[in-house]
Structure formats: C-alpha cells, structure tokens
Amino acid sequence: MLSYIDLEGYDRFEIGSVMFGKYDRARQLVPAQMELVWLAIPRRVYTHSHTDYVIEVVIEAHHRRKDLRGYRITHEASLLRHFTAKFQPMTSGDQQT
C-alpha cells in the first residue's frame, strides 16, 4: 500500500514494497522489510522557508494518517516496476497489505 503526500516542486519516491516487494507462489505481495520515502530538495531553492514547508506537510500527513488512503498497483512491468507502475487510489473496501 502506498500513500501520497503532495510536495509540489520536490522529487520524492517510495523505496519499499513498490521497488523491492516480491510475490509469493499464490501471487500475494510479500512486502519489503522497510517502507521509506526518498525526498530531494533542489539545492538552488534550499532555504529555511522551503524546509519549513516540507516539515509542515509531513506533520499534516501525520495528523491525517488515519484518513489517508493508499494506492494500489494496477499495472506493473515484470522488471523495474517502480519506474513504470500505474496506481489507483484505494477505496475503503480494498484490502490493505
């Protein structure tokens, strides 16, 4: 399961089950051991106010964590799926892994 946080202007991507998750013989996702997010703040705009903005967004996501829905993979390549995967927002009826 993925969750989306809007950080306009910042590069970010998931380093976890999308990148390293595997499927077992029953085609059930075996999640990665850790779910991490890589965040890059462009150095040309690396100011105190930009860092404050990132902190505010992360704090807001933490406060809303019970209301945030994840995303599920609807299409993936057999290799390097994290580059080309397509996602759809999960609904309350979707099973979370």
PDB file of N, CA and C in Angstrom:
ATOM      1  N   MET A   1       0.837  -1.169   0.000  1.00  0.00           N
ATOM      2  CA  MET A   1       0.000   0.000   0.000  1.00  0.00           C
ATOM      3  C   MET A   1       0.888   1.240   0.000  1.00  0.00           C
ATOM      4  N   LEU A   2       0.513   2.200  -0.786  1.00  0.00           N
ATOM      5  CA  LEU A   2       1.233   3.459  -0.846  1.00  0.00           C
ATOM      6  C   LEU A   2       0.342   4.572  -0.343  1.00  0.00           C
ATOM      7  N   SER A   3       0.938   5.611   0.099  1.00  0.00           N
ATOM      8  CA  SER A   3       0.185   6.807   0.452  1.00  0.00           C
ATOM      9  C   SER A   3       0.828   7.962  -0.285  1.00  0.00           C
ATOM     10  N   TYR A   4       0.026   8.928  -0.686  1.00  0.00           N
ATOM     11  CA  TYR A   4       0.526  10.044  -1.472  1.00  0.00           C
ATOM     12  C   TYR A   4       0.516  11.307  -0.640  1.00  0.00           C
ATOM     13  N   ILE A   5       1.625  11.987  -0.621  1.00  0.00           N
ATOM     14  CA  ILE A   5       1.736  13.284   0.036  1.00  0.00           C
ATOM     15  C   ILE A   5       2.131  14.297  -1.032  1.00  0.00           C
ATOM     16  N   ASP A   6       1.383  15.385  -1.134  1.00  0.00           N
ATOM     17  CA  ASP A   6       1.636  16.389  -2.160  1.00  0.00           C
ATOM     18  C   ASP A   6       2.747  17.333  -1.714  1.00  0.00           C
ATOM     19  N   LEU A   7       3.892  17.201  -2.334  1.00  0.00           N
ATOM     20  CA  LEU A   7       5.013  18.104  -2.100  1.00  0.00           C
ATOM     21  C   LEU A   7       5.407  18.697  -3.443  1.00  0.00           C
ATOM     22  N   GLU A   8       4.631  19.658  -3.889  1.00  0.00           N
ATOM     23  CA  GLU A   8       4.825  20.241  -5.197  1.00  0.00           C
ATOM     24  C   GLU A   8       6.223  20.841  -5.323  1.00  0.00           C
ATOM     25  N   GLY A   9       6.920  20.477  -6.403  1.00  0.00           N
ATOM     26  CA  GLY A   9       8.238  21.016  -6.660  1.00  0.00           C
ATOM     27  C   GLY A   9       9.378  20.201  -6.079  1.00  0.00           C
ATOM     28  N   TYR A  10       9.069  19.136  -5.365  1.00  0.00           N
ATOM     29  CA  TYR A  10      10.101  18.306  -4.746  1.00  0.00           C
ATOM     30  C   TYR A  10      10.080  16.922  -5.363  1.00  0.00           C
ATOM     31  N   ASP A  11      11.260  16.375  -5.612  1.00  0.00           N
ATOM     32  CA  ASP A  11      11.351  14.999  -6.085  1.00  0.00           C
ATOM     33  C   ASP A  11      11.191  14.068  -4.901  1.00  0.00           C
ATOM     34  N   ARG A  12      10.328  13.061  -5.052  1.00  0.00           N
ATOM     35  CA  ARG A  12      10.149  12.078  -3.995  1.00  0.00           C
ATOM     36  C   ARG A  12       9.718  10.770  -4.630  1.00  0.00           C
ATOM     37  N   PHE A  13      10.156   9.681  -4.036  1.00  0.00           N
ATOM     38  CA  PHE A  13       9.658   8.383  -4.458  1.00  0.00           C
ATOM     39  C   PHE A  13       9.804   7.378  -3.336  1.00  0.00           C
ATOM     40  N   GLU A  14       9.070   6.323  -3.496  1.00  0.00           N
ATOM     41  CA  GLU A  14       8.981   5.266  -2.491  1.00  0.00           C
ATOM     42  C   GLU A  14      10.142   4.295  -2.664  1.00  0.00           C
ATOM     43  N   ILE A  15      10.753   3.928  -1.567  1.00  0.00           N
ATOM     44  CA  ILE A  15      11.779   2.889  -1.560  1.00  0.00           C
ATOM     45  C   ILE A  15      11.279   1.836  -0.571  1.00  0.00           C
ATOM     46  N   GLY A  16      10.596   0.869  -1.081  1.00  0.00           N
ATOM     47  CA  GLY A  16       9.980  -0.137  -0.216  1.00  0.00           C
ATOM     48  C   GLY A  16       9.342  -1.212  -1.058  1.00  0.00           C
ATOM     49  N   SER A  17       8.073  -1.469  -0.824  1.00  0.00           N
ATOM     50  CA  SER A  17       7.397  -2.578  -1.481  1.00  0.00           C
ATOM     51  C   SER A  17       7.211  -2.386  -2.979  1.00  0.00           C
ATOM     52  N   VAL A  18       7.081  -1.144  -3.450  1.00  0.00           N
ATOM     53  CA  VAL A  18       6.971  -0.944  -4.898  1.00  0.00           C
ATOM     54  C   VAL A  18       8.290  -1.309  -5.557  1.00  0.00           C
ATOM     55  N   MET A  19       9.378  -0.907  -4.949  1.00  0.00           N
ATOM     56  CA  MET A  19      10.686  -1.178  -5.529  1.00  0.00           C
ATOM     57  C   MET A  19      11.178  -2.597  -5.210  1.00  0.00           C
ATOM     58  N   PHE A  20      10.990  -3.051  -3.977  1.00  0.00           N
ATOM     59  CA  PHE A  20      11.603  -4.306  -3.543  1.00  0.00           C
ATOM     60  C   PHE A  20      10.616  -5.405  -3.148  1.00  0.00           C
ATOM     61  N   GLY A  21       9.316  -5.128  -3.208  1.00  0.00           N
ATOM     62  CA  GLY A  21       8.335  -6.149  -2.861  1.00  0.00           C
ATOM     63  C   GLY A  21       8.366  -7.294  -3.865  1.00  0.00           C
ATOM     64  N   LYS A  22       8.038  -8.475  -3.409  1.00  0.00           N
ATOM     65  CA  LYS A  22       8.028  -9.676  -4.251  1.00  0.00           C
ATOM     66  C   LYS A  22       6.669 -10.342  -4.130  1.00  0.00           C
ATOM     67  N   TYR A  23       6.393 -11.248  -5.047  1.00  0.00           N
ATOM     68  CA  TYR A  23       5.173 -12.035  -4.986  1.00  0.00           C
ATOM     69  C   TYR A  23       5.516 -13.472  -4.629  1.00  0.00           C
ATOM     70  N   ASP A  24       4.671 -14.082  -3.805  1.00  0.00           N
ATOM     71  CA  ASP A  24       4.867 -15.494  -3.498  1.00  0.00           C
ATOM     72  C   ASP A  24       4.195 -16.335  -4.583  1.00  0.00           C
ATOM     73  N   ARG A  25       4.180 -17.642  -4.410  1.00  0.00           N
ATOM     74  CA  ARG A  25       3.614 -18.535  -5.433  1.00  0.00           C
ATOM     75  C   ARG A  25       2.122 -18.317  -5.643  1.00  0.00           C
ATOM     76  N   ALA A  26       1.434 -17.824  -4.625  1.00  0.00           N
ATOM     77  CA  ALA A  26      -0.006 -17.562  -4.727  1.00  0.00           C
ATOM     78  C   ALA A  26      -0.282 -16.153  -5.259  1.00  0.00           C
ATOM     79  N   ARG A  27       0.754 -15.454  -5.732  1.00  0.00           N
ATOM     80  CA  ARG A  27       0.665 -14.086  -6.247  1.00  0.00           C
ATOM     81  C   ARG A  27       0.229 -13.079  -5.191  1.00  0.00           C
ATOM     82  N   GLN A  28       0.544 -13.356  -3.935  1.00  0.00           N
ATOM     83  CA  GLN A  28       0.305 -12.414  -2.849  1.00  0.00           C
ATOM     84  C   GLN A  28       1.587 -11.610  -2.642  1.00  0.00           C
ATOM     85  N   LEU A  29       1.425 -10.300  -2.468  1.00  0.00           N
ATOM     86  CA  LEU A  29       2.591  -9.448  -2.291  1.00  0.00           C
ATOM     87  C   LEU A  29       3.274  -9.729  -0.960  1.00  0.00           C
ATOM     88  N   VAL A  30       4.559  -9.957  -1.017  1.00  0.00           N
ATOM     89  CA  VAL A  30       5.385 -10.066   0.184  1.00  0.00           C
ATOM     90  C   VAL A  30       6.076  -8.714   0.306  1.00  0.00           C
ATOM     91  N   PRO A  31       5.652  -7.892   1.276  1.00  0.00           N
ATOM     92  CA  PRO A  31       6.190  -6.531   1.338  1.00  0.00           C
ATOM     93  C   PRO A  31       7.675  -6.485   1.676  1.00  0.00           C
ATOM     94  N   ALA A  32       8.283  -5.366   1.331  1.00  0.00           N
ATOM     95  CA  ALA A  32       9.686  -5.138   1.675  1.00  0.00           C
ATOM     96  C   ALA A  32       9.818  -5.010   3.194  1.00  0.00           C
ATOM     97  N   GLN A  33      11.018  -5.200   3.699  1.00  0.00           N
ATOM     98  CA  GLN A  33      11.247  -5.120   5.146  1.00  0.00           C
ATOM     99  C   GLN A  33      11.043  -3.714   5.683  1.00  0.00           C
ATOM    100  N   MET A  34      11.321  -2.693   4.865  1.00  0.00           N
ATOM    101  CA  MET A  34      11.151  -1.307   5.298  1.00  0.00           C
ATOM    102  C   MET A  34      10.417  -0.533   4.217  1.00  0.00           C
ATOM    103  N   GLU A  35       9.611   0.439   4.640  1.00  0.00           N
ATOM    104  CA  GLU A  35       8.929   1.352   3.725  1.00  0.00           C
ATOM    105  C   GLU A  35       9.520   2.738   3.966  1.00  0.00           C
ATOM    106  N   LEU A  36      10.257   3.231   2.991  1.00  0.00           N
ATOM    107  CA  LEU A  36      10.940   4.512   3.126  1.00  0.00           C
ATOM    108  C   LEU A  36      10.512   5.449   2.000  1.00  0.00           C
ATOM    109  N   VAL A  37      10.747   6.730   2.182  1.00  0.00           N
ATOM    110  CA  VAL A  37      10.490   7.729   1.154  1.00  0.00           C
ATOM    111  C   VAL A  37      11.769   8.519   0.946  1.00  0.00           C
ATOM    112  N   TRP A  38      12.147   8.659  -0.311  1.00  0.00           N
ATOM    113  CA  TRP A  38      13.303   9.464  -0.674  1.00  0.00           C
ATOM    114  C   TRP A  38      12.786  10.833  -1.063  1.00  0.00           C
ATOM    115  N   LEU A  39      13.343  11.881  -0.499  1.00  0.00           N
ATOM    116  CA  LEU A  39      12.899  13.247  -0.754  1.00  0.00           C
ATOM    117  C   LEU A  39      14.116  14.096  -1.104  1.00  0.00           C
ATOM    118  N   ALA A  40      14.028  14.775  -2.236  1.00  0.00           N
ATOM    119  CA  ALA A  40      15.125  15.641  -2.670  1.00  0.00           C
ATOM    120  C   ALA A  40      14.641  17.076  -2.732  1.00  0.00           C
ATOM    121  N   ILE A  41      15.317  17.945  -2.042  1.00  0.00           N
ATOM    122  CA  ILE A  41      15.032  19.363  -2.082  1.00  0.00           C
ATOM    123  C   ILE A  41      16.074  19.983  -3.006  1.00  0.00           C
ATOM    124  N   PRO A  42      15.646  20.571  -4.125  1.00  0.00           N
ATOM    125  CA  PRO A  42      16.618  21.154  -5.060  1.00  0.00           C
ATOM    126  C   PRO A  42      17.511  22.178  -4.367  1.00  0.00           C
ATOM    127  N   ARG A  43      18.806  22.074  -4.547  1.00  0.00           N
ATOM    128  CA  ARG A  43      19.733  22.923  -3.798  1.00  0.00           C
ATOM    129  C   ARG A  43      19.626  24.391  -4.159  1.00  0.00           C
ATOM    130  N   ARG A  44      19.145  24.700  -5.346  1.00  0.00           N
ATOM    131  CA  ARG A  44      19.020  26.110  -5.729  1.00  0.00           C
ATOM    132  C   ARG A  44      17.905  26.817  -4.964  1.00  0.00           C
ATOM    133  N   VAL A  45      16.999  26.056  -4.406  1.00  0.00           N
ATOM    134  CA  VAL A  45      15.902  26.657  -3.648  1.00  0.00           C
ATOM    135  C   VAL A  45      15.905  26.159  -2.207  1.00  0.00           C
ATOM    136  N   TYR A  46      17.013  25.654  -1.776  1.00  0.00           N
ATOM    137  CA  TYR A  46      17.119  25.116  -0.424  1.00  0.00           C
ATOM    138  C   TYR A  46      17.225  26.277   0.558  1.00  0.00           C
ATOM    139  N   THR A  47      16.087  26.753   1.037  1.00  0.00           N
ATOM    140  CA  THR A  47      16.071  27.835   2.015  1.00  0.00           C
ATOM    141  C   THR A  47      15.355  27.357   3.266  1.00  0.00           C
ATOM    142  N   HIS A  48      15.452  28.134   4.286  1.00  0.00           N
ATOM    143  CA  HIS A  48      14.791  27.793   5.543  1.00  0.00           C
ATOM    144  C   HIS A  48      13.282  27.668   5.343  1.00  0.00           C
ATOM    145  N   SER A  49      12.695  28.555   4.551  1.00  0.00           N
ATOM    146  CA  SER A  49      11.241  28.510   4.339  1.00  0.00           C
ATOM    147  C   SER A  49      10.824  27.261   3.571  1.00  0.00           C
ATOM    148  N   HIS A  50      11.658  26.773   2.661  1.00  0.00           N
ATOM    149  CA  HIS A  50      11.344  25.542   1.945  1.00  0.00           C
ATOM    150  C   HIS A  50      11.384  24.342   2.876  1.00  0.00           C
ATOM    151  N   THR A  51      12.366  24.330   3.740  1.00  0.00           N
ATOM    152  CA  THR A  51      12.455  23.241   4.711  1.00  0.00           C
ATOM    153  C   THR A  51      11.272  23.284   5.674  1.00  0.00           C
ATOM    154  N   ASP A  52      10.874  24.476   6.085  1.00  0.00           N
ATOM    155  CA  ASP A  52       9.685  24.611   6.938  1.00  0.00           C
ATOM    156  C   ASP A  52       8.451  24.055   6.244  1.00  0.00           C
ATOM    157  N   TYR A  53       8.324  24.313   4.939  1.00  0.00           N
ATOM    158  CA  TYR A  53       7.193  23.813   4.169  1.00  0.00           C
ATOM    159  C   TYR A  53       7.148  22.284   4.188  1.00  0.00           C
ATOM    160  N   VAL A  54       8.289  21.651   3.943  1.00  0.00           N
ATOM    161  CA  VAL A  54       8.353  20.183   3.961  1.00  0.00           C
ATOM    162  C   VAL A  54       7.949  19.661   5.335  1.00  0.00           C
ATOM    163  N   ILE A  55       8.451  20.275   6.381  1.00  0.00           N
ATOM    164  CA  ILE A  55       8.121  19.857   7.740  1.00  0.00           C
ATOM    165  C   ILE A  55       6.619  19.994   7.988  1.00  0.00           C
ATOM    166  N   GLU A  56       6.030  21.098   7.554  1.00  0.00           N
ATOM    167  CA  GLU A  56       4.584  21.311   7.736  1.00  0.00           C
ATOM    168  C   GLU A  56       3.763  20.238   7.023  1.00  0.00           C
ATOM    169  N   VAL A  57       4.153  19.878   5.798  1.00  0.00           N
ATOM    170  CA  VAL A  57       3.423  18.861   5.041  1.00  0.00           C
ATOM    171  C   VAL A  57       3.530  17.503   5.722  1.00  0.00           C
ATOM    172  N   VAL A  58       4.698  17.140   6.199  1.00  0.00           N
ATOM    173  CA  VAL A  58       4.883  15.857   6.880  1.00  0.00           C
ATOM    174  C   VAL A  58       4.087  15.819   8.183  1.00  0.00           C
ATOM    175  N   ILE A  59       4.092  16.910   8.934  1.00  0.00           N
ATOM    176  CA  ILE A  59       3.306  16.968  10.173  1.00  0.00           C
ATOM    177  C   ILE A  59       1.816  16.847   9.865  1.00  0.00           C
ATOM    178  N   GLU A  60       1.347  17.544   8.825  1.00  0.00           N
ATOM    179  CA  GLU A  60      -0.061  17.453   8.427  1.00  0.00           C
ATOM    180  C   GLU A  60      -0.422  16.020   8.025  1.00  0.00           C
ATOM    181  N   ALA A  61       0.445  15.364   7.271  1.00  0.00           N
ATOM    182  CA  ALA A  61       0.197  13.967   6.887  1.00  0.00           C
ATOM    183  C   ALA A  61       0.136  13.072   8.121  1.00  0.00           C
ATOM    184  N   HIS A  62       0.994  13.338   9.082  1.00  0.00           N
ATOM    185  CA  HIS A  62       0.976  12.554  10.318  1.00  0.00           C
ATOM    186  C   HIS A  62      -0.349  12.742  11.057  1.00  0.00           C
ATOM    187  N   HIS A  63      -0.842  13.961  11.120  1.00  0.00           N
ATOM    188  CA  HIS A  63      -2.117  14.231  11.799  1.00  0.00           C
ATOM    189  C   HIS A  63      -3.288  13.577  11.060  1.00  0.00           C
ATOM    190  N   ARG A  64      -3.194  13.473   9.729  1.00  0.00           N
ATOM    191  CA  ARG A  64      -4.275  12.910   8.919  1.00  0.00           C
ATOM    192  C   ARG A  64      -4.066  11.438   8.592  1.00  0.00           C
ATOM    193  N   ARG A  65      -3.088  10.787   9.215  1.00  0.00           N
ATOM    194  CA  ARG A  65      -2.684   9.439   8.830  1.00  0.00           C
ATOM    195  C   ARG A  65      -3.817   8.419   8.850  1.00  0.00           C
ATOM    196  N   LYS A  66      -4.793   8.565   9.725  1.00  0.00           N
ATOM    197  CA  LYS A  66      -5.902   7.606   9.774  1.00  0.00           C
ATOM    198  C   LYS A  66      -6.907   7.832   8.658  1.00  0.00           C
ATOM    199  N   ASP A  67      -6.911   9.023   8.079  1.00  0.00           N
ATOM    200  CA  ASP A  67      -7.836   9.347   6.996  1.00  0.00           C
ATOM    201  C   ASP A  67      -7.232   9.139   5.611  1.00  0.00           C
ATOM    202  N   LEU A  68      -5.913   9.086   5.521  1.00  0.00           N
ATOM    203  CA  LEU A  68      -5.253   8.939   4.224  1.00  0.00           C
ATOM    204  C   LEU A  68      -5.423   7.522   3.703  1.00  0.00           C
ATOM    205  N   ARG A  69      -5.752   7.398   2.445  1.00  0.00           N
ATOM    206  CA  ARG A  69      -5.862   6.100   1.782  1.00  0.00           C
ATOM    207  C   ARG A  69      -4.612   5.875   0.956  1.00  0.00           C
ATOM    208  N   GLY A  70      -4.301   4.644   0.774  1.00  0.00           N
ATOM    209  CA  GLY A  70      -3.144   4.290  -0.030  1.00  0.00           C
ATOM    210  C   GLY A  70      -3.499   4.169  -1.501  1.00  0.00           C
ATOM    211  N   TYR A  71      -2.528   3.731  -2.274  1.00  0.00           N
ATOM    212  CA  TYR A  71      -2.705   3.478  -3.696  1.00  0.00           C
ATOM    213  C   TYR A  71      -2.342   2.024  -3.950  1.00  0.00           C
ATOM    214  N   ARG A  72      -3.015   1.425  -4.925  1.00  0.00           N
ATOM    215  CA  ARG A  72      -2.670   0.051  -5.288  1.00  0.00           C
ATOM    216  C   ARG A  72      -2.150   0.034  -6.714  1.00  0.00           C
ATOM    217  N   ILE A  73      -1.320  -0.927  -6.993  1.00  0.00           N
ATOM    218  CA  ILE A  73      -0.726  -1.056  -8.321  1.00  0.00           C
ATOM    219  C   ILE A  73      -1.772  -1.662  -9.255  1.00  0.00           C
ATOM    220  N   THR A  74      -2.016  -0.987 -10.382  1.00  0.00           N
ATOM    221  CA  THR A  74      -2.952  -1.519 -11.378  1.00  0.00           C
ATOM    222  C   THR A  74      -2.216  -2.086 -12.584  1.00  0.00           C
ATOM    223  N   HIS A  75      -0.986  -1.662 -12.792  1.00  0.00           N
ATOM    224  CA  HIS A  75      -0.175  -2.173 -13.889  1.00  0.00           C
ATOM    225  C   HIS A  75       1.289  -2.103 -13.460  1.00  0.00           C
ATOM    226  N   GLU A  76       2.033  -3.146 -13.770  1.00  0.00           N
ATOM    227  CA  GLU A  76       3.463  -3.156 -13.458  1.00  0.00           C
ATOM    228  C   GLU A  76       4.220  -3.976 -14.473  1.00  0.00           C
ATOM    229  N   ALA A  77       5.436  -3.561 -14.753  1.00  0.00           N
ATOM    230  CA  ALA A  77       6.314  -4.311 -15.642  1.00  0.00           C
ATOM    231  C   ALA A  77       6.913  -5.471 -14.860  1.00  0.00           C
ATOM    232  N   SER A  78       7.363  -6.486 -15.572  1.00  0.00           N
ATOM    233  CA  SER A  78       7.949  -7.638 -14.885  1.00  0.00           C
ATOM    234  C   SER A  78       9.299  -7.293 -14.256  1.00  0.00           C
ATOM    235  N   LEU A  79       9.996  -6.326 -14.820  1.00  0.00           N
ATOM    236  CA  LEU A  79      11.270  -5.863 -14.269  1.00  0.00           C
ATOM    237  C   LEU A  79      11.196  -4.359 -14.024  1.00  0.00           C
ATOM    238  N   LEU A  80      11.818  -3.914 -12.968  1.00  0.00           N
ATOM    239  CA  LEU A  80      11.918  -2.486 -12.642  1.00  0.00           C
ATOM    240  C   LEU A  80      10.546  -1.812 -12.613  1.00  0.00           C
ATOM    241  N   ARG A  81       9.601  -2.452 -11.942  1.00  0.00           N
ATOM    242  CA  ARG A  81       8.227  -1.947 -11.940  1.00  0.00           C
ATOM    243  C   ARG A  81       8.093  -0.555 -11.328  1.00  0.00           C
ATOM    244  N   HIS A  82       8.993  -0.171 -10.447  1.00  0.00           N
ATOM    245  CA  HIS A  82       8.877   1.132  -9.789  1.00  0.00           C
ATOM    246  C   HIS A  82       9.040   2.297 -10.764  1.00  0.00           C
ATOM    247  N   PHE A  83       9.606   2.049 -11.946  1.00  0.00           N
ATOM    248  CA  PHE A  83       9.751   3.120 -12.934  1.00  0.00           C
ATOM    249  C   PHE A  83       8.496   3.327 -13.768  1.00  0.00           C
ATOM    250  N   THR A  84       7.715   2.271 -14.000  1.00  0.00           N
ATOM    251  CA  THR A  84       6.603   2.367 -14.941  1.00  0.00           C
ATOM    252  C   THR A  84       5.257   1.953 -14.355  1.00  0.00           C
ATOM    253  N   ALA A  85       5.189   1.654 -13.088  1.00  0.00           N
ATOM    254  CA  ALA A  85       3.941   1.189 -12.487  1.00  0.00           C
ATOM    255  C   ALA A  85       2.866   2.261 -12.575  1.00  0.00           C
ATOM    256  N   LYS A  86       1.634   1.793 -12.689  1.00  0.00           N
ATOM    257  CA  LYS A  86       0.472   2.684 -12.666  1.00  0.00           C
ATOM    258  C   LYS A  86      -0.318   2.365 -11.402  1.00  0.00           C
ATOM    259  N   PHE A  87      -0.885   3.403 -10.774  1.00  0.00           N
ATOM    260  CA  PHE A  87      -1.550   3.254  -9.486  1.00  0.00           C
ATOM    261  C   PHE A  87      -2.970   3.798  -9.537  1.00  0.00           C
ATOM    262  N   GLN A  88      -3.778   3.304  -8.612  1.00  0.00           N
ATOM    263  CA  GLN A  88      -5.140   3.787  -8.447  1.00  0.00           C
ATOM    264  C   GLN A  88      -5.394   3.957  -6.961  1.00  0.00           C
ATOM    265  N   PRO A  89      -6.101   5.031  -6.573  1.00  0.00           N
ATOM    266  CA  PRO A  89      -6.386   5.208  -5.143  1.00  0.00           C
ATOM    267  C   PRO A  89      -7.200   4.040  -4.599  1.00  0.00           C
ATOM    268  N   MET A  90      -6.878   3.612  -3.384  1.00  0.00           N
ATOM    269  CA  MET A  90      -7.618   2.543  -2.737  1.00  0.00           C
ATOM    270  C   MET A  90      -8.917   3.116  -2.175  1.00  0.00           C
ATOM    271  N   THR A  91      -9.927   2.292  -2.130  1.00  0.00           N
ATOM    272  CA  THR A  91     -11.182   2.673  -1.507  1.00  0.00           C
ATOM    273  C   THR A  91     -11.294   1.970  -0.163  1.00  0.00           C
ATOM    274  N   SER A  92     -12.303   2.303   0.603  1.00  0.00           N
ATOM    275  CA  SER A  92     -12.450   1.692   1.936  1.00  0.00           C
ATOM    276  C   SER A  92     -12.659   0.189   1.842  1.00  0.00           C
ATOM    277  N   GLY A  93     -13.113  -0.332   0.702  1.00  0.00           N
ATOM    278  CA  GLY A  93     -13.338  -1.766   0.548  1.00  0.00           C
ATOM    279  C   GLY A  93     -12.112  -2.541   0.145  1.00  0.00           C
ATOM    280  N   ASP A  94     -11.042  -1.852  -0.272  1.00  0.00           N
ATOM    281  CA  ASP A  94      -9.813  -2.535  -0.684  1.00  0.00           C
ATOM    282  C   ASP A  94      -9.092  -3.108   0.515  1.00  0.00           C
ATOM    283  N   GLN A  95      -8.517  -4.289   0.312  1.00  0.00           N
ATOM    284  CA  GLN A  95      -7.732  -4.919   1.371  1.00  0.00           C
ATOM    285  C   GLN A  95      -6.360  -4.280   1.412  1.00  0.00           C
ATOM    286  N   GLN A  96      -5.925  -3.897   2.608  1.00  0.00           N
ATOM    287  CA  GLN A  96      -4.598  -3.303   2.750  1.00  0.00           C
ATOM    288  C   GLN A  96      -3.617  -4.373   3.163  1.00  0.00           C
ATOM    289  N   THR A  97      -2.412  -4.301   2.577  1.00  0.00           N
ATOM    290  CA  THR A  97      -1.340  -5.238   2.935  1.00  0.00           C
ATOM    291  C   THR A  97      -0.236  -4.511   3.617  1.00  0.00           C
TER     292      THR A  97
END
